[in-house]
Amino acid sequence: MEDGLEMAFEGIAEAIRGLQAGQIAQSRVLRALIASHPDPDAMRAAWLRYSSVSASDAATAKVLDPLRSAIHEANEQAIADWSKRVEQDLRRT
């Protein structure tokens, strides 16, 4: 059990290291883009505007919306099926 847990933690640590390396690389590319842009202040302002939390939240909501709808519909169907079974059982008694 401990070996499995250790392996899982090692996998998670490796994934985190990969994400950190990617973030570092992206920040260096961004710095280079800003430094080489004809209007660095405008580039920085645009980057901050488009990388804001609200933009990320909107994109996340857009992706998850169909999933949420599907889950909601599945729950509604399950409740309707369960209610029908309960009603049938009550009629039998």
PDB file of N, CA and C in Angstrom:
ATOM      1  N   MET A   1       0.820  -1.198   0.000  1.00  0.00           N
ATOM      2  CA  MET A   1       0.000   0.000   0.000  1.00  0.00           C
ATOM      3  C   MET A   1       0.861   1.258   0.000  1.00  0.00           C
ATOM      4  N   GLU A   2       1.892   1.276   0.859  1.00  0.00           N
ATOM      5  CA  GLU A   2       2.754   2.447   0.934  1.00  0.00           C
ATOM      6  C   GLU A   2       3.503   2.656  -0.366  1.00  0.00           C
ATOM      7  N   ASP A   3       3.932   1.570  -1.022  1.00  0.00           N
ATOM      8  CA  ASP A   3       4.635   1.706  -2.296  1.00  0.00           C
ATOM      9  C   ASP A   3       3.729   2.332  -3.351  1.00  0.00           C
ATOM     10  N   GLY A   4       2.481   1.904  -3.379  1.00  0.00           N
ATOM     11  CA  GLY A   4       1.518   2.472  -4.325  1.00  0.00           C
ATOM     12  C   GLY A   4       1.274   3.944  -4.065  1.00  0.00           C
ATOM     13  N   LEU A   5       1.159   4.291  -2.787  1.00  0.00           N
ATOM     14  CA  LEU A   5       0.942   5.675  -2.410  1.00  0.00           C
ATOM     15  C   LEU A   5       2.158   6.523  -2.760  1.00  0.00           C
ATOM     16  N   GLU A   6       3.336   5.969  -2.512  1.00  0.00           N
ATOM     17  CA  GLU A   6       4.571   6.677  -2.857  1.00  0.00           C
ATOM     18  C   GLU A   6       4.662   6.915  -4.350  1.00  0.00           C
ATOM     19  N   MET A   7       4.287   5.904  -5.129  1.00  0.00           N
ATOM     20  CA  MET A   7       4.328   6.043  -6.583  1.00  0.00           C
ATOM     21  C   MET A   7       3.322   7.097  -7.051  1.00  0.00           C
ATOM     22  N   ALA A   8       2.156   7.117  -6.418  1.00  0.00           N
ATOM     23  CA  ALA A   8       1.148   8.108  -6.781  1.00  0.00           C
ATOM     24  C   ALA A   8       1.643   9.517  -6.471  1.00  0.00           C
ATOM     25  N   PHE A   9       2.242   9.694  -5.290  1.00  0.00           N
ATOM     26  CA  PHE A   9       2.771  11.000  -4.932  1.00  0.00           C
ATOM     27  C   PHE A   9       3.908  11.409  -5.853  1.00  0.00           C
ATOM     28  N   GLU A  10       4.714  10.464  -6.248  1.00  0.00           N
ATOM     29  CA  GLU A  10       5.808  10.766  -7.176  1.00  0.00           C
ATOM     30  C   GLU A  10       5.243  11.210  -8.525  1.00  0.00           C
ATOM     31  N   GLY A  11       4.188  10.555  -8.975  1.00  0.00           N
ATOM     32  CA  GLY A  11       3.538  10.956 -10.222  1.00  0.00           C
ATOM     33  C   GLY A  11       2.960  12.362 -10.130  1.00  0.00           C
ATOM     34  N   ILE A  12       2.335  12.658  -8.994  1.00  0.00           N
ATOM     35  CA  ILE A  12       1.777  14.000  -8.795  1.00  0.00           C
ATOM     36  C   ILE A  12       2.886  15.037  -8.751  1.00  0.00           C
ATOM     37  N   ALA A  13       3.973  14.727  -8.050  1.00  0.00           N
ATOM     38  CA  ALA A  13       5.103  15.656  -7.965  1.00  0.00           C
ATOM     39  C   ALA A  13       5.693  15.898  -9.349  1.00  0.00           C
ATOM     40  N   GLU A  14       5.796  14.858 -10.158  1.00  0.00           N
ATOM     41  CA  GLU A  14       6.327  14.996 -11.514  1.00  0.00           C
ATOM     42  C   GLU A  14       5.422  15.879 -12.364  1.00  0.00           C
ATOM     43  N   ALA A  15       4.114  15.699 -12.224  1.00  0.00           N
ATOM     44  CA  ALA A  15       3.162  16.532 -12.967  1.00  0.00           C
ATOM     45  C   ALA A  15       3.274  17.999 -12.555  1.00  0.00           C
ATOM     46  N   ILE A  16       3.418  18.234 -11.261  1.00  0.00           N
ATOM     47  CA  ILE A  16       3.562  19.606 -10.771  1.00  0.00           C
ATOM     48  C   ILE A  16       4.850  20.226 -11.295  1.00  0.00           C
ATOM     49  N   ARG A  17       5.930  19.447 -11.287  1.00  0.00           N
ATOM     50  CA  ARG A  17       7.192  19.963 -11.836  1.00  0.00           C
ATOM     51  C   ARG A  17       7.039  20.329 -13.306  1.00  0.00           C
ATOM     52  N   GLY A  18       6.319  19.507 -14.048  1.00  0.00           N
ATOM     53  CA  GLY A  18       6.086  19.799 -15.465  1.00  0.00           C
ATOM     54  C   GLY A  18       5.281  21.073 -15.654  1.00  0.00           C
ATOM     55  N   LEU A  19       4.251  21.248 -14.823  1.00  0.00           N
ATOM     56  CA  LEU A  19       3.444  22.466 -14.905  1.00  0.00           C
ATOM     57  C   LEU A  19       4.270  23.706 -14.550  1.00  0.00           C
ATOM     58  N   GLN A  20       5.104  23.575 -13.544  1.00  0.00           N
ATOM     59  CA  GLN A  20       5.948  24.704 -13.160  1.00  0.00           C
ATOM     60  C   GLN A  20       6.940  25.053 -14.274  1.00  0.00           C
ATOM     61  N   ALA A  21       7.509  24.052 -14.894  1.00  0.00           N
ATOM     62  CA  ALA A  21       8.446  24.295 -15.993  1.00  0.00           C
ATOM     63  C   ALA A  21       7.735  24.973 -17.157  1.00  0.00           C
ATOM     64  N   GLY A  22       6.523  24.534 -17.442  1.00  0.00           N
ATOM     65  CA  GLY A  22       5.739  25.163 -18.504  1.00  0.00           C
ATOM     66  C   GLY A  22       5.422  26.608 -18.190  1.00  0.00           C
ATOM     67  N   GLN A  23       5.085  26.882 -16.943  1.00  0.00           N
ATOM     68  CA  GLN A  23       4.771  28.249 -16.533  1.00  0.00           C
ATOM     69  C   GLN A  23       5.998  29.144 -16.658  1.00  0.00           C
ATOM     70  N   ILE A  24       7.146  28.633 -16.277  1.00  0.00           N
ATOM     71  CA  ILE A  24       8.385  29.408 -16.384  1.00  0.00           C
ATOM     72  C   ILE A  24       8.688  29.708 -17.854  1.00  0.00           C
ATOM     73  N   ALA A  25       8.560  28.698 -18.702  1.00  0.00           N
ATOM     74  CA  ALA A  25       8.821  28.893 -20.126  1.00  0.00           C
ATOM     75  C   ALA A  25       7.851  29.917 -20.718  1.00  0.00           C
ATOM     76  N   GLN A  26       6.576  29.817 -20.355  1.00  0.00           N
ATOM     77  CA  GLN A  26       5.590  30.763 -20.882  1.00  0.00           C
ATOM     78  C   GLN A  26       5.872  32.186 -20.411  1.00  0.00           C
ATOM     79  N   SER A  27       6.287  32.331 -19.163  1.00  0.00           N
ATOM     80  CA  SER A  27       6.569  33.681 -18.671  1.00  0.00           C
ATOM     81  C   SER A  27       7.773  34.273 -19.390  1.00  0.00           C
ATOM     82  N   ARG A  28       8.768  33.443 -19.729  1.00  0.00           N
ATOM     83  CA  ARG A  28       9.927  33.944 -20.480  1.00  0.00           C
ATOM     84  C   ARG A  28       9.526  34.346 -21.896  1.00  0.00           C
ATOM     85  N   VAL A  29       8.665  33.564 -22.519  1.00  0.00           N
ATOM     86  CA  VAL A  29       8.188  33.920 -23.859  1.00  0.00           C
ATOM     87  C   VAL A  29       7.393  35.219 -23.790  1.00  0.00           C
ATOM     88  N   LEU A  30       6.546  35.362 -22.784  1.00  0.00           N
ATOM     89  CA  LEU A  30       5.761  36.582 -22.630  1.00  0.00           C
ATOM     90  C   LEU A  30       6.674  37.791 -22.441  1.00  0.00           C
ATOM     91  N   ARG A  31       7.684  37.639 -21.603  1.00  0.00           N
ATOM     92  CA  ARG A  31       8.625  38.755 -21.409  1.00  0.00           C
ATOM     93  C   ARG A  31       9.294  39.134 -22.722  1.00  0.00           C
ATOM     94  N   ALA A  32       9.681  38.143 -23.502  1.00  0.00           N
ATOM     95  CA  ALA A  32      10.318  38.424 -24.795  1.00  0.00           C
ATOM     96  C   ALA A  32       9.347  39.119 -25.742  1.00  0.00           C
ATOM     97  N   LEU A  33       8.085  38.665 -25.754  1.00  0.00           N
ATOM     98  CA  LEU A  33       7.083  39.308 -26.609  1.00  0.00           C
ATOM     99  C   LEU A  33       6.863  40.766 -26.205  1.00  0.00           C
ATOM    100  N   ILE A  34       6.750  40.992 -24.918  1.00  0.00           N
ATOM    101  CA  ILE A  34       6.524  42.362 -24.434  1.00  0.00           C
ATOM    102  C   ILE A  34       7.730  43.236 -24.755  1.00  0.00           C
ATOM    103  N   ALA A  35       8.936  42.712 -24.530  1.00  0.00           N
ATOM    104  CA  ALA A  35      10.146  43.498 -24.769  1.00  0.00           C
ATOM    105  C   ALA A  35      10.316  43.844 -26.248  1.00  0.00           C
ATOM    106  N   SER A  36       9.904  42.937 -27.134  1.00  0.00           N
ATOM    107  CA  SER A  36      10.107  43.172 -28.560  1.00  0.00           C
ATOM    108  C   SER A  36       8.915  43.844 -29.227  1.00  0.00           C
ATOM    109  N   HIS A  37       7.835  44.052 -28.502  1.00  0.00           N
ATOM    110  CA  HIS A  37       6.638  44.668 -29.077  1.00  0.00           C
ATOM    111  C   HIS A  37       6.873  46.175 -29.274  1.00  0.00           C
ATOM    112  N   PRO A  38       6.328  46.734 -30.366  1.00  0.00           N
ATOM    113  CA  PRO A  38       6.518  48.173 -30.593  1.00  0.00           C
ATOM    114  C   PRO A  38       5.936  49.048 -29.480  1.00  0.00           C
ATOM    115  N   ASP A  39       4.878  48.576 -28.833  1.00  0.00           N
ATOM    116  CA  ASP A  39       4.273  49.322 -27.722  1.00  0.00           C
ATOM    117  C   ASP A  39       4.154  48.376 -26.524  1.00  0.00           C
ATOM    118  N   PRO A  40       5.260  48.230 -25.768  1.00  0.00           N
ATOM    119  CA  PRO A  40       5.264  47.261 -24.670  1.00  0.00           C
ATOM    120  C   PRO A  40       4.183  47.492 -23.617  1.00  0.00           C
ATOM    121  N   ASP A  41       3.861  48.749 -23.340  1.00  0.00           N
ATOM    122  CA  ASP A  41       2.834  49.028 -22.325  1.00  0.00           C
ATOM    123  C   ASP A  41       1.459  48.559 -22.795  1.00  0.00           C
ATOM    124  N   ALA A  42       1.149  48.767 -24.066  1.00  0.00           N
ATOM    125  CA  ALA A  42      -0.132  48.306 -24.607  1.00  0.00           C
ATOM    126  C   ALA A  42      -0.187  46.782 -24.622  1.00  0.00           C
ATOM    127  N   MET A  43       0.938  46.157 -24.958  1.00  0.00           N
ATOM    128  CA  MET A  43       1.001  44.692 -24.971  1.00  0.00           C
ATOM    129  C   MET A  43       0.780  44.145 -23.570  1.00  0.00           C
ATOM    130  N   ARG A  44       1.416  44.752 -22.585  1.00  0.00           N
ATOM    131  CA  ARG A  44       1.267  44.310 -21.193  1.00  0.00           C
ATOM    132  C   ARG A  44      -0.180  44.498 -20.731  1.00  0.00           C
ATOM    133  N   ALA A  45      -0.780  45.647 -21.069  1.00  0.00           N
ATOM    134  CA  ALA A  45      -2.166  45.906 -20.678  1.00  0.00           C
ATOM    135  C   ALA A  45      -3.111  44.900 -21.334  1.00  0.00           C
ATOM    136  N   ALA A  46      -2.886  44.602 -22.611  1.00  0.00           N
ATOM    137  CA  ALA A  46      -3.725  43.619 -23.304  1.00  0.00           C
ATOM    138  C   ALA A  46      -3.563  42.245 -22.675  1.00  0.00           C
ATOM    139  N   TRP A  47      -2.333  41.888 -22.355  1.00  0.00           N
ATOM    140  CA  TRP A  47      -2.095  40.586 -21.734  1.00  0.00           C
ATOM    141  C   TRP A  47      -2.832  40.485 -20.405  1.00  0.00           C
ATOM    142  N   LEU A  48      -2.739  41.521 -19.602  1.00  0.00           N
ATOM    143  CA  LEU A  48      -3.413  41.502 -18.300  1.00  0.00           C
ATOM    144  C   LEU A  48      -4.923  41.429 -18.469  1.00  0.00           C
ATOM    145  N   ARG A  49      -5.450  42.132 -19.472  1.00  0.00           N
ATOM    146  CA  ARG A  49      -6.895  42.121 -19.694  1.00  0.00           C
ATOM    147  C   ARG A  49      -7.377  40.739 -20.131  1.00  0.00           C
ATOM    148  N   TYR A  50      -6.640  40.113 -21.052  1.00  0.00           N
ATOM    149  CA  TYR A  50      -7.092  38.829 -21.588  1.00  0.00           C
ATOM    150  C   TYR A  50      -6.702  37.629 -20.732  1.00  0.00           C
ATOM    151  N   SER A  51      -5.785  37.813 -19.820  1.00  0.00           N
ATOM    152  CA  SER A  51      -5.414  36.694 -18.958  1.00  0.00           C
ATOM    153  C   SER A  51      -6.035  36.831 -17.575  1.00  0.00           C
ATOM    154  N   SER A  52      -6.999  37.714 -17.460  1.00  0.00           N
ATOM    155  CA  SER A  52      -7.619  37.944 -16.154  1.00  0.00           C
ATOM    156  C   SER A  52      -8.471  36.754 -15.737  1.00  0.00           C
ATOM    157  N   VAL A  53      -8.823  36.733 -14.492  1.00  0.00           N
ATOM    158  CA  VAL A  53      -9.625  35.651 -13.929  1.00  0.00           C
ATOM    159  C   VAL A  53     -10.999  35.595 -14.590  1.00  0.00           C
ATOM    160  N   SER A  54     -11.571  36.761 -14.888  1.00  0.00           N
ATOM    161  CA  SER A  54     -12.913  36.749 -15.483  1.00  0.00           C
ATOM    162  C   SER A  54     -12.897  36.090 -16.860  1.00  0.00           C
ATOM    163  N   ALA A  55     -11.842  36.321 -17.648  1.00  0.00           N
ATOM    164  CA  ALA A  55     -11.741  35.666 -18.957  1.00  0.00           C
ATOM    165  C   ALA A  55     -11.602  34.164 -18.771  1.00  0.00           C
ATOM    166  N   SER A  56     -10.808  33.775 -17.805  1.00  0.00           N
ATOM    167  CA  SER A  56     -10.623  32.350 -17.533  1.00  0.00           C
ATOM    168  C   SER A  56     -11.907  31.717 -17.012  1.00  0.00           C
ATOM    169  N   ASP A  57     -12.623  32.427 -16.150  1.00  0.00           N
ATOM    170  CA  ASP A  57     -13.895  31.914 -15.635  1.00  0.00           C
ATOM    171  C   ASP A  57     -14.922  31.762 -16.756  1.00  0.00           C
ATOM    172  N   ALA A  58     -14.956  32.738 -17.658  1.00  0.00           N
ATOM    173  CA  ALA A  58     -15.903  32.670 -18.770  1.00  0.00           C
ATOM    174  C   ALA A  58     -15.586  31.488 -19.676  1.00  0.00           C
ATOM    175  N   ALA A  59     -14.299  31.271 -19.948  1.00  0.00           N
ATOM    176  CA  ALA A  59     -13.904  30.144 -20.796  1.00  0.00           C
ATOM    177  C   ALA A  59     -14.230  28.822 -20.114  1.00  0.00           C
ATOM    178  N   THR A  60     -13.984  28.736 -18.823  1.00  0.00           N
ATOM    179  CA  THR A  60     -14.284  27.516 -18.072  1.00  0.00           C
ATOM    180  C   THR A  60     -15.786  27.237 -18.071  1.00  0.00           C
ATOM    181  N   ALA A  61     -16.575  28.278 -17.846  1.00  0.00           N
ATOM    182  CA  ALA A  61     -18.029  28.110 -17.838  1.00  0.00           C
ATOM    183  C   ALA A  61     -18.525  27.647 -19.204  1.00  0.00           C
ATOM    184  N   LYS A  62     -17.925  28.193 -20.258  1.00  0.00           N
ATOM    185  CA  LYS A  62     -18.331  27.823 -21.616  1.00  0.00           C
ATOM    186  C   LYS A  62     -18.071  26.342 -21.871  1.00  0.00           C
ATOM    187  N   VAL A  63     -16.953  25.847 -21.366  1.00  0.00           N
ATOM    188  CA  VAL A  63     -16.602  24.441 -21.557  1.00  0.00           C
ATOM    189  C   VAL A  63     -17.479  23.539 -20.696  1.00  0.00           C
ATOM    190  N   LEU A  64     -17.720  23.945 -19.461  1.00  0.00           N
ATOM    191  CA  LEU A  64     -18.443  23.093 -18.520  1.00  0.00           C
ATOM    192  C   LEU A  64     -19.953  23.161 -18.670  1.00  0.00           C
ATOM    193  N   ASP A  65     -20.489  24.181 -19.339  1.00  0.00           N
ATOM    194  CA  ASP A  65     -21.930  24.346 -19.445  1.00  0.00           C
ATOM    195  C   ASP A  65     -22.636  23.122 -20.032  1.00  0.00           C
ATOM    196  N   PRO A  66     -22.172  22.564 -21.162  1.00  0.00           N
ATOM    197  CA  PRO A  66     -22.847  21.367 -21.680  1.00  0.00           C
ATOM    198  C   PRO A  66     -22.774  20.191 -20.703  1.00  0.00           C
ATOM    199  N   LEU A  67     -21.654  20.076 -20.013  1.00  0.00           N
ATOM    200  CA  LEU A  67     -21.500  19.000 -19.039  1.00  0.00           C
ATOM    201  C   LEU A  67     -22.490  19.186 -17.892  1.00  0.00           C
ATOM    202  N   ARG A  68     -22.608  20.402 -17.405  1.00  0.00           N
ATOM    203  CA  ARG A  68     -23.554  20.676 -16.320  1.00  0.00           C
ATOM    204  C   ARG A  68     -24.978  20.370 -16.762  1.00  0.00           C
ATOM    205  N   SER A  69     -25.317  20.756 -17.996  1.00  0.00           N
ATOM    206  CA  SER A  69     -26.668  20.488 -18.505  1.00  0.00           C
ATOM    207  C   SER A  69     -26.922  18.990 -18.592  1.00  0.00           C
ATOM    208  N   ALA A  70     -25.933  18.253 -19.086  1.00  0.00           N
ATOM    209  CA  ALA A  70     -26.091  16.800 -19.202  1.00  0.00           C
ATOM    210  C   ALA A  70     -26.258  16.158 -17.827  1.00  0.00           C
ATOM    211  N   ILE A  71     -25.492  16.608 -16.866  1.00  0.00           N
ATOM    212  CA  ILE A  71     -25.591  16.071 -15.503  1.00  0.00           C
ATOM    213  C   ILE A  71     -26.957  16.415 -14.912  1.00  0.00           C
ATOM    214  N   HIS A  72     -27.402  17.647 -15.123  1.00  0.00           N
ATOM    215  CA  HIS A  72     -28.710  18.067 -14.613  1.00  0.00           C
ATOM    216  C   HIS A  72     -29.821  17.217 -15.227  1.00  0.00           C
ATOM    217  N   GLU A  73     -29.760  17.011 -16.541  1.00  0.00           N
ATOM    218  CA  GLU A  73     -30.776  16.193 -17.207  1.00  0.00           C
ATOM    219  C   GLU A  73     -30.757  14.756 -16.697  1.00  0.00           C
ATOM    220  N   ALA A  74     -29.562  14.208 -16.502  1.00  0.00           N
ATOM    221  CA  ALA A  74     -29.451  12.841 -15.989  1.00  0.00           C
ATOM    222  C   ALA A  74     -30.038  12.746 -14.582  1.00  0.00           C
ATOM    223  N   ASN A  75     -29.762  13.742 -13.754  1.00  0.00           N
ATOM    224  CA  ASN A  75     -30.327  13.751 -12.397  1.00  0.00           C
ATOM    225  C   ASN A  75     -31.847  13.855 -12.432  1.00  0.00           C
ATOM    226  N   GLU A  76     -32.358  14.722 -13.271  1.00  0.00           N
ATOM    227  CA  GLU A  76     -33.808  14.869 -13.393  1.00  0.00           C
ATOM    228  C   GLU A  76     -34.443  13.556 -13.847  1.00  0.00           C
ATOM    229  N   GLN A  77     -33.817  12.885 -14.807  1.00  0.00           N
ATOM    230  CA  GLN A  77     -34.356  11.615 -15.289  1.00  0.00           C
ATOM    231  C   GLN A  77     -34.317  10.554 -14.195  1.00  0.00           C
ATOM    232  N   ALA A  78     -33.218  10.509 -13.450  1.00  0.00           N
ATOM    233  CA  ALA A  78     -33.096   9.537 -12.364  1.00  0.00           C
ATOM    234  C   ALA A  78     -34.161   9.784 -11.296  1.00  0.00           C
ATOM    235  N   ILE A  79     -34.407  11.038 -10.974  1.00  0.00           N
ATOM    236  CA  ILE A  79     -35.432  11.365  -9.980  1.00  0.00           C
ATOM    237  C   ILE A  79     -36.817  10.979 -10.497  1.00  0.00           C
ATOM    238  N   ALA A  80     -37.079  11.256 -11.769  1.00  0.00           N
ATOM    239  CA  ALA A  80     -38.386  10.893 -12.349  1.00  0.00           C
ATOM    240  C   ALA A  80     -38.575   9.382 -12.345  1.00  0.00           C
ATOM    241  N   ASP A  81     -37.513   8.632 -12.716  1.00  0.00           N
ATOM    242  CA  ASP A  81     -37.605   7.169 -12.698  1.00  0.00           C
ATOM    243  C   ASP A  81     -37.845   6.648 -11.287  1.00  0.00           C
ATOM    244  N   TRP A  82     -37.128   7.201 -10.335  1.00  0.00           N
ATOM    245  CA  TRP A  82     -37.264   6.774  -8.943  1.00  0.00           C
ATOM    246  C   TRP A  82     -38.681   7.075  -8.438  1.00  0.00           C
ATOM    247  N   SER A  83     -39.182   8.270  -8.761  1.00  0.00           N
ATOM    248  CA  SER A  83     -40.536   8.647  -8.337  1.00  0.00           C
ATOM    249  C   SER A  83     -41.573   7.698  -8.925  1.00  0.00           C
ATOM    250  N   LYS A  84     -41.394   7.330 -10.186  1.00  0.00           N
ATOM    251  CA  LYS A  84     -42.332   6.410 -10.836  1.00  0.00           C
ATOM    252  C   LYS A  84     -42.318   5.053 -10.133  1.00  0.00           C
ATOM    253  N   ARG A  85     -41.109   4.561  -9.800  1.00  0.00           N
ATOM    254  CA  ARG A  85     -41.012   3.270  -9.096  1.00  0.00           C
ATOM    255  C   ARG A  85     -41.659   3.334  -7.724  1.00  0.00           C
ATOM    256  N   VAL A  86     -41.463   4.420  -7.002  1.00  0.00           N
ATOM    257  CA  VAL A  86     -42.057   4.577  -5.676  1.00  0.00           C
ATOM    258  C   VAL A  86     -43.578   4.579  -5.785  1.00  0.00           C
ATOM    259  N   GLU A  87     -44.106   5.311  -6.760  1.00  0.00           N
ATOM    260  CA  GLU A  87     -45.552   5.365  -6.947  1.00  0.00           C
ATOM    261  C   GLU A  87     -46.121   3.974  -7.285  1.00  0.00           C
ATOM    262  N   GLN A  88     -45.422   3.242  -8.130  1.00  0.00           N
ATOM    263  CA  GLN A  88     -45.856   1.888  -8.477  1.00  0.00           C
ATOM    264  C   GLN A  88     -45.865   0.983  -7.257  1.00  0.00           C
ATOM    265  N   ASP A  89     -44.835   1.079  -6.443  1.00  0.00           N
ATOM    266  CA  ASP A  89     -44.759   0.278  -5.232  1.00  0.00           C
ATOM    267  C   ASP A  89     -45.869   0.642  -4.244  1.00  0.00           C
ATOM    268  N   LEU A  90     -46.183   1.935  -4.149  1.00  0.00           N
ATOM    269  CA  LEU A  90     -47.244   2.363  -3.242  1.00  0.00           C
ATOM    270  C   LEU A  90     -48.614   1.860  -3.717  1.00  0.00           C
ATOM    271  N   ARG A  91     -48.804   1.796  -5.020  1.00  0.00           N
ATOM    272  CA  ARG A  91     -50.079   1.281  -5.547  1.00  0.00           C
ATOM    273  C   ARG A  91     -50.256  -0.179  -5.241  1.00  0.00           C
ATOM    274  N   ARG A  92     -49.160  -0.925  -5.207  1.00  0.00           N
ATOM    275  CA  ARG A  92     -49.234  -2.373  -4.942  1.00  0.00           C
ATOM    276  C   ARG A  92     -49.612  -2.670  -3.491  1.00  0.00           C
ATOM    277  N   THR A  93     -49.280  -1.799  -2.579  1.00  0.00           N
ATOM    278  CA  THR A  93     -49.534  -2.062  -1.159  1.00  0.00           C
ATOM    279  C   THR A  93     -50.878  -1.639  -0.716  1.00  0.00           C
TER     280      THR A  93
END
